[in-house]
Amino acid sequence: MATDYDAPRKTEEEIKEDSIEELKTRRNDQNSGRVDEDEVEAAESFELPGADLSHEELTVRVLPRQSDEFTCAGCFLVRHRSQLAETRNGQEYCFDCAG
């Protein structure tokens, strides 16, 4: 379907609706700014931080530190040997913590 981008974007009726008199009458209407929203439905879909997640179960497989990894003495993260920046007093540090 071809679209004529040179054609007017509003019809005559839409232009009439947006006249200054029409806008003035809308401004004076007390209910024009209200939004009809079901408060119960909105409250059910809203989840508060710190919600009770005791019924949730997480399963994570934890692997022991591998031979090509080290534990950084600064951030205590297990990192690959390629991220080893320096060793001070027998402790190993990554690039982020040695910096």
N, C-alpha and C. Protein backbone atom coordinates (compact mmCIF):
# COMPACT_ATOMS: atom_id res chain seq x y z
N MET A 1 0.85 -1.18 0.00
CA MET A 1 0.00 0.00 0.00
C MET A 1 0.89 1.24 0.00
N ALA A 2 0.73 2.08 -0.97
CA ALA A 2 1.54 3.28 -1.10
C ALA A 2 1.00 4.37 -0.18
N THR A 3 1.93 5.15 0.36
CA THR A 3 1.55 6.25 1.24
C THR A 3 1.98 7.56 0.61
N ASP A 4 1.06 8.48 0.53
CA ASP A 4 1.36 9.80 -0.02
C ASP A 4 1.78 10.71 1.13
N TYR A 5 3.07 10.96 1.23
CA TYR A 5 3.59 11.76 2.34
C TYR A 5 3.34 13.26 2.15
N ASP A 6 2.93 13.66 0.95
CA ASP A 6 2.63 15.06 0.70
C ASP A 6 1.19 15.42 1.06
N ALA A 7 0.38 14.42 1.30
CA ALA A 7 -1.03 14.67 1.62
C ALA A 7 -1.13 15.25 3.03
N PRO A 8 -2.17 16.05 3.28
CA PRO A 8 -2.36 16.60 4.62
C PRO A 8 -2.52 15.47 5.63
N ARG A 9 -1.97 15.66 6.80
CA ARG A 9 -1.97 14.60 7.80
C ARG A 9 -3.26 14.56 8.60
N LYS A 10 -4.00 15.64 8.62
CA LYS A 10 -5.25 15.69 9.37
C LYS A 10 -6.41 15.92 8.42
N THR A 11 -7.51 15.30 8.78
CA THR A 11 -8.71 15.53 7.99
C THR A 11 -9.33 16.85 8.43
N GLU A 12 -10.33 17.28 7.69
CA GLU A 12 -11.01 18.55 8.02
C GLU A 12 -11.66 18.47 9.40
N GLU A 13 -12.20 17.31 9.74
CA GLU A 13 -12.86 17.16 11.04
C GLU A 13 -11.85 17.23 12.19
N GLU A 14 -10.68 16.63 11.99
CA GLU A 14 -9.65 16.69 13.03
C GLU A 14 -9.14 18.11 13.24
N ILE A 15 -9.04 18.86 12.15
CA ILE A 15 -8.61 20.25 12.26
C ILE A 15 -9.66 21.06 13.00
N LYS A 16 -10.93 20.78 12.73
CA LYS A 16 -12.03 21.48 13.40
C LYS A 16 -12.03 21.16 14.89
N GLU A 17 -11.76 19.90 15.25
CA GLU A 17 -11.73 19.51 16.66
C GLU A 17 -10.63 20.24 17.42
N ASP A 18 -9.53 20.51 16.75
CA ASP A 18 -8.40 21.15 17.41
C ASP A 18 -8.48 22.68 17.40
N SER A 19 -9.62 23.21 17.07
CA SER A 19 -9.76 24.66 17.06
C SER A 19 -9.61 25.19 18.48
N ILE A 20 -9.30 26.44 18.61
CA ILE A 20 -9.04 27.05 19.91
C ILE A 20 -10.27 27.00 20.81
N GLU A 21 -11.45 27.12 20.22
CA GLU A 21 -12.66 27.06 21.04
C GLU A 21 -12.86 25.66 21.62
N GLU A 22 -12.59 24.66 20.79
CA GLU A 22 -12.73 23.27 21.26
C GLU A 22 -11.74 22.98 22.37
N LEU A 23 -10.52 23.46 22.23
CA LEU A 23 -9.51 23.24 23.27
C LEU A 23 -9.87 23.96 24.56
N LYS A 24 -10.46 25.14 24.46
CA LYS A 24 -10.88 25.87 25.66
C LYS A 24 -11.97 25.12 26.40
N THR A 25 -12.92 24.54 25.67
CA THR A 25 -13.99 23.80 26.34
C THR A 25 -13.45 22.53 26.98
N ARG A 26 -12.47 21.91 26.38
CA ARG A 26 -11.86 20.72 26.98
C ARG A 26 -11.12 21.08 28.27
N ARG A 27 -10.47 22.23 28.28
CA ARG A 27 -9.72 22.65 29.46
C ARG A 27 -10.64 22.88 30.64
N ASN A 28 -11.83 23.40 30.39
CA ASN A 28 -12.79 23.67 31.44
C ASN A 28 -13.49 22.41 31.93
N ASP A 29 -13.44 21.34 31.17
CA ASP A 29 -14.06 20.08 31.57
C ASP A 29 -13.24 19.46 32.70
N GLN A 30 -13.85 19.22 33.84
CA GLN A 30 -13.14 18.72 35.02
C GLN A 30 -12.66 17.28 34.84
N ASN A 31 -13.35 16.47 34.06
CA ASN A 31 -13.02 15.05 33.93
C ASN A 31 -12.09 14.76 32.76
N SER A 32 -11.66 15.77 32.02
CA SER A 32 -10.87 15.51 30.82
C SER A 32 -9.48 14.96 31.13
N GLY A 33 -8.93 15.27 32.29
CA GLY A 33 -7.59 14.80 32.61
C GLY A 33 -7.55 13.50 33.40
N ARG A 34 -8.68 12.97 33.77
CA ARG A 34 -8.71 11.75 34.57
C ARG A 34 -8.44 10.52 33.73
N VAL A 35 -7.80 9.57 34.36
CA VAL A 35 -7.52 8.31 33.71
C VAL A 35 -8.36 7.25 34.40
N ASP A 36 -9.10 6.50 33.62
CA ASP A 36 -9.89 5.41 34.19
C ASP A 36 -8.98 4.20 34.36
N GLU A 37 -8.69 3.86 35.61
CA GLU A 37 -7.80 2.73 35.89
C GLU A 37 -8.35 1.96 37.08
N ASP A 38 -8.37 0.67 36.94
CA ASP A 38 -8.83 -0.18 38.02
C ASP A 38 -7.71 -0.28 39.05
N GLU A 39 -7.92 0.28 40.23
CA GLU A 39 -6.88 0.31 41.25
C GLU A 39 -6.49 -1.07 41.73
N VAL A 40 -7.45 -1.97 41.82
CA VAL A 40 -7.16 -3.33 42.28
C VAL A 40 -6.28 -4.05 41.27
N GLU A 41 -6.58 -3.89 39.99
CA GLU A 41 -5.79 -4.54 38.95
C GLU A 41 -4.37 -3.97 38.92
N ALA A 42 -4.25 -2.68 39.09
CA ALA A 42 -2.93 -2.05 39.10
C ALA A 42 -2.12 -2.51 40.30
N ALA A 43 -2.75 -2.67 41.46
CA ALA A 43 -2.05 -3.09 42.67
C ALA A 43 -1.59 -4.53 42.57
N GLU A 44 -2.34 -5.39 41.90
CA GLU A 44 -1.95 -6.79 41.77
C GLU A 44 -0.74 -6.95 40.88
N SER A 45 -0.59 -6.12 39.88
CA SER A 45 0.53 -6.26 38.95
C SER A 45 1.80 -5.57 39.46
N PHE A 46 1.69 -4.80 40.53
CA PHE A 46 2.83 -4.07 41.06
C PHE A 46 3.51 -4.88 42.15
N GLU A 47 4.81 -5.13 42.00
CA GLU A 47 5.54 -5.92 42.99
C GLU A 47 6.50 -5.02 43.75
N LEU A 48 6.38 -5.04 45.07
CA LEU A 48 7.22 -4.20 45.91
C LEU A 48 8.61 -4.80 46.06
N PRO A 49 9.64 -3.96 46.20
CA PRO A 49 10.97 -4.49 46.47
C PRO A 49 10.98 -5.15 47.84
N GLY A 50 11.74 -6.22 47.97
CA GLY A 50 11.80 -6.94 49.23
C GLY A 50 10.60 -7.84 49.43
N ALA A 51 9.93 -8.20 48.34
CA ALA A 51 8.76 -9.07 48.44
C ALA A 51 9.18 -10.45 48.92
N ASP A 52 8.26 -11.18 49.49
CA ASP A 52 8.52 -12.51 50.01
C ASP A 52 8.75 -13.48 48.86
N LEU A 53 9.97 -13.96 48.74
CA LEU A 53 10.32 -14.91 47.68
C LEU A 53 10.66 -16.27 48.28
N SER A 54 10.17 -16.55 49.47
CA SER A 54 10.52 -17.80 50.15
C SER A 54 10.00 -19.02 49.40
N HIS A 55 8.96 -18.87 48.61
CA HIS A 55 8.42 -20.00 47.86
C HIS A 55 9.22 -20.28 46.58
N GLU A 56 10.10 -19.36 46.21
CA GLU A 56 10.92 -19.54 45.02
C GLU A 56 12.12 -20.43 45.34
N GLU A 57 12.52 -21.23 44.37
CA GLU A 57 13.66 -22.11 44.56
C GLU A 57 14.65 -21.89 43.42
N LEU A 58 15.90 -21.61 43.78
CA LEU A 58 16.94 -21.39 42.79
C LEU A 58 17.87 -22.60 42.78
N THR A 59 18.22 -23.02 41.61
CA THR A 59 19.17 -24.12 41.50
C THR A 59 20.37 -23.62 40.70
N VAL A 60 21.50 -23.61 41.35
CA VAL A 60 22.74 -23.16 40.73
C VAL A 60 23.79 -24.23 40.95
N ARG A 61 24.45 -24.60 39.91
CA ARG A 61 25.52 -25.59 40.02
C ARG A 61 26.82 -24.87 40.30
N VAL A 62 27.44 -25.15 41.44
CA VAL A 62 28.68 -24.49 41.84
C VAL A 62 29.84 -25.43 41.55
N LEU A 63 30.81 -24.91 40.81
CA LEU A 63 32.00 -25.69 40.49
C LEU A 63 33.15 -25.23 41.36
N PRO A 64 34.03 -26.13 41.77
CA PRO A 64 35.21 -25.71 42.53
C PRO A 64 36.16 -24.94 41.61
N ARG A 65 37.08 -24.18 42.23
CA ARG A 65 38.04 -23.39 41.46
C ARG A 65 38.88 -24.32 40.59
N GLN A 66 39.02 -23.97 39.34
CA GLN A 66 39.76 -24.79 38.38
C GLN A 66 41.25 -24.47 38.46
N SER A 67 42.06 -25.30 37.83
CA SER A 67 43.51 -25.13 37.90
C SER A 67 43.98 -23.86 37.19
N ASP A 68 43.22 -23.35 36.23
CA ASP A 68 43.61 -22.14 35.51
C ASP A 68 42.92 -20.89 36.08
N GLU A 69 42.47 -20.95 37.33
CA GLU A 69 41.80 -19.83 37.96
C GLU A 69 42.47 -19.47 39.28
N PHE A 70 42.22 -18.26 39.75
CA PHE A 70 42.72 -17.82 41.05
C PHE A 70 41.66 -16.98 41.73
N THR A 71 41.77 -16.84 43.03
CA THR A 71 40.84 -16.00 43.79
C THR A 71 41.55 -14.70 44.12
N CYS A 72 41.00 -13.59 43.66
CA CYS A 72 41.60 -12.28 43.88
C CYS A 72 41.50 -11.93 45.36
N ALA A 73 42.60 -11.44 45.93
CA ALA A 73 42.61 -11.05 47.33
C ALA A 73 41.94 -9.70 47.56
N GLY A 74 41.67 -8.96 46.52
CA GLY A 74 41.02 -7.65 46.66
C GLY A 74 39.51 -7.74 46.57
N CYS A 75 38.99 -8.38 45.52
CA CYS A 75 37.54 -8.44 45.32
C CYS A 75 36.96 -9.81 45.64
N PHE A 76 37.81 -10.78 45.90
CA PHE A 76 37.41 -12.14 46.26
C PHE A 76 36.61 -12.85 45.19
N LEU A 77 36.82 -12.45 43.94
CA LEU A 77 36.18 -13.13 42.83
C LEU A 77 37.14 -14.16 42.25
N VAL A 78 36.59 -15.26 41.79
CA VAL A 78 37.40 -16.26 41.10
C VAL A 78 37.55 -15.81 39.66
N ARG A 79 38.80 -15.64 39.24
CA ARG A 79 39.08 -15.12 37.91
C ARG A 79 40.03 -16.05 37.17
N HIS A 80 40.06 -15.92 35.85
CA HIS A 80 40.96 -16.70 35.02
C HIS A 80 42.40 -16.19 35.19
N ARG A 81 43.35 -17.05 35.01
CA ARG A 81 44.77 -16.67 35.17
C ARG A 81 45.18 -15.54 34.24
N SER A 82 44.52 -15.38 33.13
CA SER A 82 44.85 -14.30 32.21
C SER A 82 44.55 -12.93 32.82
N GLN A 83 43.76 -12.87 33.90
CA GLN A 83 43.43 -11.61 34.55
C GLN A 83 44.31 -11.34 35.77
N LEU A 84 45.32 -12.17 35.99
CA LEU A 84 46.24 -11.99 37.12
C LEU A 84 47.19 -10.82 36.82
N ALA A 85 47.15 -9.80 37.67
CA ALA A 85 47.98 -8.62 37.45
C ALA A 85 49.27 -8.70 38.25
N GLU A 86 49.17 -9.06 39.53
CA GLU A 86 50.36 -9.10 40.36
C GLU A 86 50.12 -9.97 41.60
N THR A 87 51.24 -10.33 42.22
CA THR A 87 51.20 -11.09 43.47
C THR A 87 51.96 -10.29 44.51
N ARG A 88 51.29 -9.93 45.60
CA ARG A 88 51.91 -9.19 46.69
C ARG A 88 51.79 -10.01 47.97
N ASN A 89 52.89 -10.21 48.64
CA ASN A 89 52.92 -10.93 49.91
C ASN A 89 52.20 -12.28 49.81
N GLY A 90 52.35 -12.96 48.69
CA GLY A 90 51.74 -14.27 48.50
C GLY A 90 50.27 -14.22 48.13
N GLN A 91 49.72 -13.02 47.96
CA GLN A 91 48.32 -12.88 47.57
C GLN A 91 48.23 -12.41 46.12
N GLU A 92 47.27 -12.96 45.40
CA GLU A 92 47.12 -12.65 43.98
C GLU A 92 46.00 -11.61 43.78
N TYR A 93 46.25 -10.65 42.88
CA TYR A 93 45.31 -9.58 42.61
C TYR A 93 45.00 -9.52 41.11
N CYS A 94 43.76 -9.22 40.78
CA CYS A 94 43.36 -9.06 39.37
C CYS A 94 43.71 -7.65 38.89
N PHE A 95 43.53 -7.41 37.59
CA PHE A 95 43.84 -6.11 37.03
C PHE A 95 42.98 -5.00 37.64
N ASP A 96 41.72 -5.30 37.95
CA ASP A 96 40.82 -4.27 38.51
C ASP A 96 41.29 -3.83 39.90
N CYS A 97 41.75 -4.75 40.71
CA CYS A 97 42.13 -4.43 42.09
C CYS A 97 43.58 -3.95 42.19
N ALA A 98 44.43 -4.33 41.28
CA ALA A 98 45.84 -3.93 41.33
C ALA A 98 46.02 -2.52 40.82
N GLY A 99 45.08 -2.04 40.04
CA GLY A 99 45.16 -0.78 39.32
C GLY A 99 45.43 0.40 40.11
